[in-house]
């Protein structure tokens, strides 16, 4: 089964929720990157913009394996992309004033597969919730069991959009796992409404198995 690449790309420019518009020239560069990535991987790639901080771009796509992706990184095609974006993004060698810098890792699942006729892909929703759950290794089994028990409560709320996730392959630290979950909503406010439902009290019991949590909201970039 293919794995999912998740790349988090801070832009070297200030965008705000009040002024989130990407320059047409930058969108054209992203389109060029999309074509190169899709040709190299044989899979579709998708580009999203964070709603809370529009200067953060997320790239999601599939590779046959982390090794297949690693083989692409030193290629001439990828080096040309890095040169193309050298003035636009904050790479590993640089970081924003808040410590944000480019990161890239993989999930052990293809989050773009398995959409049935009744559901819609979460990545077609007006707003996508990206939830990162930081799970101690000794609590992973308990987290998986509890999440399987309560997942349906979230799925009922997000219908018709699916709920998908995967475990991060390249861990930040030994003994620390990370579950990444994507769910679709009509708006950020619509997501917040879930916390007011009766089912949320049961769903939030997964918090007993995590040591940290991060939630961001994404929106697809038009034309990509």
Protein backbone atom coordinates (compact mmCIF):
# COMPACT_ATOMS: atom_id res chain seq x y z
CA UNK A 1 0.00 0.00 0.00
CA UNK A 2 1.31 3.50 -0.81
CA UNK A 3 2.24 5.88 1.99
CA UNK A 4 1.21 9.52 2.31
CA UNK A 5 3.70 12.37 2.22
CA UNK A 6 2.83 15.31 4.46
CA UNK A 7 4.97 18.38 3.84
CA UNK A 8 4.49 21.55 5.89
CA UNK A 9 5.93 24.56 4.06
CA UNK A 10 6.21 28.01 5.71
CA UNK A 11 6.31 30.80 3.16
CA UNK A 12 8.89 33.53 3.38
CA UNK A 13 6.22 36.22 3.39
CA UNK A 14 3.58 37.57 5.74
CA UNK A 15 0.02 36.52 4.99
CA UNK A 16 -2.88 36.97 7.41
CA UNK A 17 -6.42 35.68 7.77
CA UNK A 18 -7.52 39.11 6.58
CA UNK A 19 -5.21 38.96 3.56
CA UNK A 20 -4.52 35.30 2.72
CA UNK A 21 -4.23 35.64 -1.06
CA UNK A 22 -1.29 33.90 -2.70
CA UNK A 23 0.48 35.72 -5.52
CA UNK A 24 -0.35 34.38 -8.98
CA UNK A 25 3.37 33.80 -9.65
CA UNK A 26 3.67 31.62 -6.54
CA UNK A 27 0.61 29.59 -7.47
CA UNK A 28 2.18 28.99 -10.87
CA UNK A 29 5.30 27.67 -9.15
CA UNK A 30 3.16 25.34 -7.03
CA UNK A 31 1.51 24.09 -10.21
CA UNK A 32 4.94 23.32 -11.65
CA UNK A 33 5.84 21.45 -8.45
CA UNK A 34 2.58 19.50 -8.58
CA UNK A 35 3.32 18.28 -12.11
CA UNK A 36 6.87 17.21 -11.19
CA UNK A 37 5.74 15.39 -8.03
CA UNK A 38 2.91 13.58 -9.79
CA UNK A 39 5.18 12.46 -12.62
CA UNK A 40 7.81 11.18 -10.17
CA UNK A 41 5.40 9.39 -7.82
CA UNK A 42 2.68 8.26 -10.20
CA UNK A 43 0.07 9.64 -7.78
CA UNK A 44 -1.95 12.83 -7.38
CA UNK A 45 -0.69 15.65 -5.15
CA UNK A 46 -2.77 18.29 -3.38
CA UNK A 47 -1.95 21.73 -2.02
CA UNK A 48 -3.64 23.38 0.97
CA UNK A 49 -3.33 26.63 2.90
CA UNK A 50 -3.67 26.86 6.66
CA UNK A 51 -6.59 29.03 7.74
CA UNK A 52 -5.12 30.10 11.09
CA UNK A 53 -1.83 31.13 9.44
CA UNK A 54 -2.16 31.42 5.64
CA UNK A 55 1.61 31.65 5.26
CA UNK A 56 1.77 27.88 5.97
CA UNK A 57 1.25 25.58 2.97
CA UNK A 58 0.59 21.84 3.20
CA UNK A 59 1.44 19.41 0.41
CA UNK A 60 -0.15 15.97 0.49
CA UNK A 61 0.43 13.14 -1.91
CA UNK A 62 1.24 9.44 -2.18
CA UNK A 63 4.42 7.48 -2.83
CA UNK A 64 4.84 3.74 -3.18
CA UNK A 65 7.11 3.85 -0.12
CA UNK A 66 9.25 6.27 1.91
CA UNK A 67 12.24 4.82 0.04
CA UNK A 68 10.70 5.75 -3.31
CA UNK A 69 10.30 9.30 -2.08
CA UNK A 70 13.85 9.37 -0.69
CA UNK A 71 15.17 8.29 -4.09
CA UNK A 72 13.47 11.31 -5.67
CA UNK A 73 14.89 13.90 -3.27
CA UNK A 74 18.44 14.08 -4.73
CA UNK A 75 17.15 13.98 -8.31
CA UNK A 76 17.78 16.76 -10.80
CA UNK A 77 14.04 17.43 -10.97
CA UNK A 78 13.75 18.01 -7.22
CA UNK A 79 16.88 20.14 -7.10
CA UNK A 80 15.34 22.36 -9.76
CA UNK A 81 12.23 22.73 -7.59
CA UNK A 82 14.31 23.74 -4.57
CA UNK A 83 16.04 26.36 -6.70
CA UNK A 84 12.68 27.56 -8.02
CA UNK A 85 11.36 28.11 -4.48
CA UNK A 86 14.57 29.31 -2.80
CA UNK A 87 13.20 32.83 -2.22
CA UNK A 88 9.66 31.71 -1.39
CA UNK A 89 9.86 29.08 1.34
CA UNK A 90 11.61 28.60 4.65
CA UNK A 91 13.75 25.47 4.39
CA UNK A 92 15.58 23.37 6.99
CA UNK A 93 18.43 25.87 6.93
CA UNK A 94 16.13 28.74 7.88
CA UNK A 95 13.21 29.20 10.23
CA UNK A 96 10.55 31.79 10.95
CA UNK A 97 10.73 34.00 14.00
CA UNK A 98 8.27 31.66 15.72
CA UNK A 99 10.51 28.66 15.05
CA UNK A 100 8.44 27.31 12.15
CA UNK A 101 10.41 25.67 9.36
CA UNK A 102 9.81 23.21 6.55
CA UNK A 103 9.11 19.67 7.71
CA UNK A 104 8.29 16.57 5.69
CA UNK A 105 7.35 13.05 6.77
CA UNK A 106 5.11 10.12 5.89
CA UNK A 107 1.99 8.39 7.18
CA UNK A 108 1.70 4.62 7.09
CA UNK A 109 -1.53 4.76 5.07
CA UNK A 110 -2.77 6.08 1.75
CA UNK A 111 -5.31 8.64 2.97
CA UNK A 112 -6.65 9.12 -0.57
CA UNK A 113 -7.92 5.56 -0.97
CA UNK A 114 -11.13 3.90 0.12
CA UNK A 115 -13.76 6.53 -0.69
CA UNK A 116 -17.09 4.82 -1.35
CA UNK A 117 -20.12 6.09 -3.26
CA UNK A 118 -21.87 7.38 -0.14
CA UNK A 119 -18.90 9.38 1.14
CA UNK A 120 -16.91 12.25 -0.28
CA UNK A 121 -13.18 12.60 0.12
CA UNK A 122 -12.32 14.69 3.15
CA UNK A 123 -9.98 16.64 0.89
CA UNK A 124 -12.91 18.00 -1.12
CA UNK A 125 -14.52 19.58 1.97
CA UNK A 126 -14.61 23.40 2.26
CA UNK A 127 -12.56 23.09 5.46
CA UNK A 128 -10.28 20.22 6.47
CA UNK A 129 -9.36 19.66 10.09
CA UNK A 130 -5.80 18.37 10.56
CA UNK A 131 -5.44 16.88 14.04
CA UNK A 132 -2.11 15.64 15.35
CA UNK A 133 -2.29 13.38 18.43
CA UNK A 134 0.99 12.79 20.28
CA UNK A 135 0.69 9.34 21.83
CA UNK A 136 3.22 7.75 24.23
CA UNK A 137 4.30 4.34 22.98
CA UNK A 138 2.93 2.54 26.03
CA UNK A 139 -0.52 4.06 25.42
CA UNK A 140 -0.74 3.41 21.67
CA UNK A 141 -2.74 0.18 21.97
CA UNK A 142 -5.25 1.86 24.29
CA UNK A 143 -5.54 4.85 21.95
CA UNK A 144 -6.22 2.62 18.94
CA UNK A 145 -8.90 0.68 20.81
CA UNK A 146 -10.63 3.81 22.10
CA UNK A 147 -10.44 5.61 18.75
CA UNK A 148 -12.01 2.63 16.98
CA UNK A 149 -14.84 2.75 19.55
CA UNK A 150 -15.63 6.45 19.07
CA UNK A 151 -14.63 7.16 15.47
CA UNK A 152 -18.21 6.69 14.31
CA UNK A 153 -19.35 9.66 16.42
CA UNK A 154 -17.10 11.97 14.39
CA UNK A 155 -18.03 10.28 11.11
CA UNK A 156 -21.73 10.81 11.80
CA UNK A 157 -21.08 14.52 12.30
CA UNK A 158 -18.84 15.00 9.25
CA UNK A 159 -21.12 13.13 6.81
CA UNK A 160 -20.86 13.14 3.81
CA UNK A 161 -17.12 13.71 4.22
CA UNK A 162 -14.97 10.78 5.29
CA UNK A 163 -12.61 10.65 8.27
CA UNK A 164 -9.11 9.30 7.50
CA UNK A 165 -5.82 9.04 9.33
CA UNK A 166 -2.47 7.33 9.68
CA UNK A 167 0.50 6.91 11.98
CA UNK A 168 3.59 9.00 11.38
CA UNK A 169 6.43 6.78 10.15
CA UNK A 170 9.43 8.99 10.97
CA UNK A 171 9.01 9.62 14.69
CA UNK A 172 10.09 12.85 16.36
CA UNK A 173 11.46 10.91 19.33
CA UNK A 174 11.83 7.31 20.46
CA UNK A 175 8.78 6.16 22.37
CA UNK A 176 6.61 8.93 20.94
CA UNK A 177 4.02 8.05 18.30
CA UNK A 178 1.82 10.45 16.35
CA UNK A 179 -1.65 9.81 14.96
CA UNK A 180 -2.66 12.24 12.22
CA UNK A 181 -6.37 12.59 11.51
CA UNK A 182 -8.16 14.44 8.70
CA UNK A 183 -11.87 15.27 8.81
CA UNK A 184 -14.03 17.52 6.62
CA UNK A 185 -16.41 20.32 7.60
CA UNK A 186 -18.46 23.08 6.02
CA UNK A 187 -16.55 25.71 7.97
CA UNK A 188 -14.33 26.20 11.01
CA UNK A 189 -17.45 27.12 12.97
CA UNK A 190 -19.09 23.90 11.83
CA UNK A 191 -16.17 21.96 13.31
CA UNK A 192 -16.54 23.79 16.62
CA UNK A 193 -20.18 22.73 16.70
CA UNK A 194 -19.05 19.12 17.13
CA UNK A 195 -17.82 20.01 20.63
CA UNK A 196 -21.41 20.90 21.55
CA UNK A 197 -22.86 17.52 20.63
CA UNK A 198 -23.68 14.74 23.09
CA UNK A 199 -21.30 12.40 21.29
CA UNK A 200 -18.30 14.66 21.80
CA UNK A 201 -18.09 13.79 25.52
CA UNK A 202 -17.47 10.19 24.50
CA UNK A 203 -15.19 11.06 21.59
CA UNK A 204 -12.89 13.20 23.71
CA UNK A 205 -12.03 10.19 25.87
CA UNK A 206 -9.19 9.57 23.41
CA UNK A 207 -7.49 12.46 25.23
CA UNK A 208 -6.78 10.04 28.09
CA UNK A 209 -4.20 8.36 25.86
CA UNK A 210 -2.36 11.40 24.47
CA UNK A 211 0.27 13.71 25.90
CA UNK A 212 -0.32 16.50 23.41
CA UNK A 213 -2.61 17.60 20.62
CA UNK A 214 -2.48 20.07 17.72
CA UNK A 215 -5.41 21.14 15.55
CA UNK A 216 -5.20 23.23 12.39
CA UNK A 217 -7.69 23.94 9.65
CA UNK A 218 -6.82 23.80 5.95
CA UNK A 219 -8.43 25.02 2.78
CA UNK A 220 -7.68 23.78 -0.74
CA UNK A 221 -5.80 26.18 -3.01
CA UNK A 222 -7.88 26.91 -6.10
CA UNK A 223 -6.38 25.68 -9.35
CA UNK A 224 -4.20 23.10 -7.62
